[in-house]
C-alpha atoms as a PDB file:
ATOM      1  CA  MET A   1     173.860 276.461  44.046  1.00  0.00           C
ATOM      2  CA  ALA A   2     173.715 275.980  47.882  1.00  0.00           C
ATOM      3  CA  ILE A   3     170.722 276.383  50.427  1.00  0.00           C
ATOM      4  CA  LYS A   4     171.139 278.131  53.901  1.00  0.00           C
ATOM      5  CA  ILE A   5     168.725 278.536  56.571  1.00  0.00           C
ATOM      6  CA  HIS A   6     168.691 281.779  58.524  1.00  0.00           C
ATOM      7  CA  PRO A   7     168.632 281.087  62.356  1.00  0.00           C
ATOM      8  CA  HIS A   8     164.869 282.661  62.405  1.00  0.00           C
ATOM      9  CA  ALA A   9     163.665 279.988  59.901  1.00  0.00           C
ATOM     10  CA  LYS A  10     165.472 277.176  61.889  1.00  0.00           C
ATOM     11  CA  GLU A  11     163.209 278.206  65.102  1.00  0.00           C
ATOM     12  CA  ARG A  12     159.905 278.217  62.739  1.00  0.00           C
ATOM     13  CA  ILE A  13     160.798 275.160  60.765  1.00  0.00           C
ATOM     14  CA  HIS A  14     160.713 273.000  63.983  1.00  0.00           C
ATOM     15  CA  GLU A  15     157.799 275.128  65.679  1.00  0.00           C
ATOM     16  CA  ARG A  16     155.532 274.788  62.641  1.00  0.00           C
ATOM     17  CA  GLY A  17     156.321 271.094  62.445  1.00  0.00           C
ATOM     18  CA  ALA A  18     158.208 270.996  59.745  1.00  0.00           C
ATOM     19  CA  THR A  19     162.139 269.700  59.148  1.00  0.00           C
ATOM     20  CA  GLU A  20     164.910 271.046  57.439  1.00  0.00           C
ATOM     21  CA  ASP A  21     165.064 268.833  54.792  1.00  0.00           C
ATOM     22  CA  GLU A  22     161.508 269.504  53.886  1.00  0.00           C
ATOM     23  CA  ALA A  23     162.420 273.190  53.627  1.00  0.00           C
ATOM     24  CA  ILE A  24     165.168 272.606  51.261  1.00  0.00           C
ATOM     25  CA  LEU A  25     162.874 270.247  49.048  1.00  0.00           C
ATOM     26  CA  ALA A  26     160.397 272.916  48.933  1.00  0.00           C
ATOM     27  CA  ILE A  27     163.126 275.266  47.094  1.00  0.00           C
ATOM     28  CA  GLU A  28     164.602 272.263  45.051  1.00  0.00           C
ATOM     29  CA  LYS A  29     160.988 271.374  43.620  1.00  0.00           C
ATOM     30  CA  GLY A  30     158.329 273.225  44.538  1.00  0.00           C
ATOM     31  CA  GLU A  31     156.329 276.036  42.830  1.00  0.00           C
ATOM     32  CA  LYS A  32     158.166 279.311  42.661  1.00  0.00           C
ATOM     33  CA  PHE A  33     156.533 282.617  43.293  1.00  0.00           C
ATOM     34  CA  PRO A  34     157.208 286.066  43.767  1.00  0.00           C
ATOM     35  CA  ALA A  35     156.579 287.549  47.311  1.00  0.00           C
ATOM     36  CA  LYS A  36     156.921 290.756  49.204  1.00  0.00           C
ATOM     37  CA  PHE A  37     159.771 292.659  49.708  1.00  0.00           C
ATOM     38  CA  GLY A  38     161.984 291.211  46.961  1.00  0.00           C
ATOM     39  CA  ARG A  39     161.658 287.766  48.359  1.00  0.00           C
ATOM     40  CA  THR A  40     160.947 284.519  46.516  1.00  0.00           C
ATOM     41  CA  GLY A  41     158.286 281.930  47.877  1.00  0.00           C
ATOM     42  CA  PHE A  42     158.455 278.064  47.044  1.00  0.00           C
ATOM     43  CA  ARG A  43     155.467 275.963  47.890  1.00  0.00           C
ATOM     44  CA  TYR A  44     155.373 272.093  47.852  1.00  0.00           C
ATOM     45  CA  ASN A  45     152.824 269.646  49.292  1.00  0.00           C
ATOM     46  CA  PHE A  46     153.719 266.561  51.531  1.00  0.00           C
ATOM     47  CA  PRO A  47     151.892 263.711  52.112  1.00  0.00           C
ATOM     48  CA  PHE A  48     151.130 263.740  55.627  1.00  0.00           C
ATOM     49  CA  LYS A  49     148.576 261.300  57.222  1.00  0.00           C
ATOM     50  CA  GLY A  50     149.223 262.369  60.602  1.00  0.00           C
ATOM     51  CA  THR A  51     148.123 264.739  63.689  1.00  0.00           C
ATOM     52  CA  TRP A  52     149.057 268.125  63.994  1.00  0.00           C
ATOM     53  CA  ARG A  53     147.552 270.033  66.949  1.00  0.00           C
ATOM     54  CA  GLY A  54     145.202 267.383  68.038  1.00  0.00           C
ATOM     55  CA  GLU A  55     143.621 267.285  64.523  1.00  0.00           C
ATOM     56  CA  GLU A  56     143.832 264.766  61.581  1.00  0.00           C
ATOM     57  CA  TYR A  57     145.355 265.874  58.189  1.00  0.00           C
ATOM     58  CA  HIS A  58     146.551 264.314  54.787  1.00  0.00           C
ATOM     59  CA  THR A  59     148.677 267.094  53.471  1.00  0.00           C
ATOM     60  CA  LYS A  60     151.086 269.687  54.521  1.00  0.00           C
ATOM     61  CA  GLN A  61     152.232 272.257  52.608  1.00  0.00           C
ATOM     62  CA  LEU A  62     155.166 274.318  53.241  1.00  0.00           C
ATOM     63  CA  GLU A  63     155.673 277.791  51.975  1.00  0.00           C
ATOM     64  CA  VAL A  64     159.366 278.685  52.246  1.00  0.00           C
ATOM     65  CA  TYR A  65     160.422 282.202  51.474  1.00  0.00           C
ATOM     66  CA  ALA A  66     164.100 282.925  50.657  1.00  0.00           C
ATOM     67  CA  VAL A  67     166.435 285.466  49.279  1.00  0.00           C
ATOM     68  CA  GLN A  68     168.810 284.992  46.787  1.00  0.00           C
ATOM     69  CA  ASP A  69     172.404 285.632  47.873  1.00  0.00           C
ATOM     70  CA  ASN A  70     174.696 285.265  44.620  1.00  0.00           C
ATOM     71  CA  GLU A  71     173.949 282.010  43.206  1.00  0.00           C
ATOM     72  CA  ASN A  72     172.649 280.856  46.881  1.00  0.00           C
ATOM     73  CA  TRP A  73     169.719 280.704  48.226  1.00  0.00           C
ATOM     74  CA  VAL A  74     168.922 281.621  52.085  1.00  0.00           C
ATOM     75  CA  ILE A  75     165.936 281.083  53.559  1.00  0.00           C
ATOM     76  CA  ILE A  76     164.261 283.390  55.884  1.00  0.00           C
ATOM     77  CA  THR A  77     160.988 282.129  57.212  1.00  0.00           C
ATOM     78  CA  VAL A  78     158.693 278.545  56.696  1.00  0.00           C
ATOM     79  CA  ILE A  79     154.899 278.337  56.988  1.00  0.00           C
ATOM     80  CA  ALA A  80     153.323 275.020  57.374  1.00  0.00           C
ATOM     81  CA  LYS A  81     149.728 274.654  56.430  1.00  0.00           C
ATOM     82  CA  TYR A  82     147.829 271.498  57.090  1.00  0.00           C
ATOM     83  CA  PHE A  83     144.793 270.006  55.361  1.00  0.00           C
END
């Protein structure tokens, strides 16, 4: 299984304070859940203990939305939540 990242997702990953490696790890190890429009979501919590947009947080949660293309996953977008 290969994991590819759509160009839209690459932009969003960096805008939202995540990395491509974190997005891939979320698919490999995260909680899998059904999402709208036939997509699949993956959720994974990362220890963060840092500052994001001027606020201190301890955890970064990524929600990665992907579609399956044959045996491969294509990441469509990534949402980062901090708490």
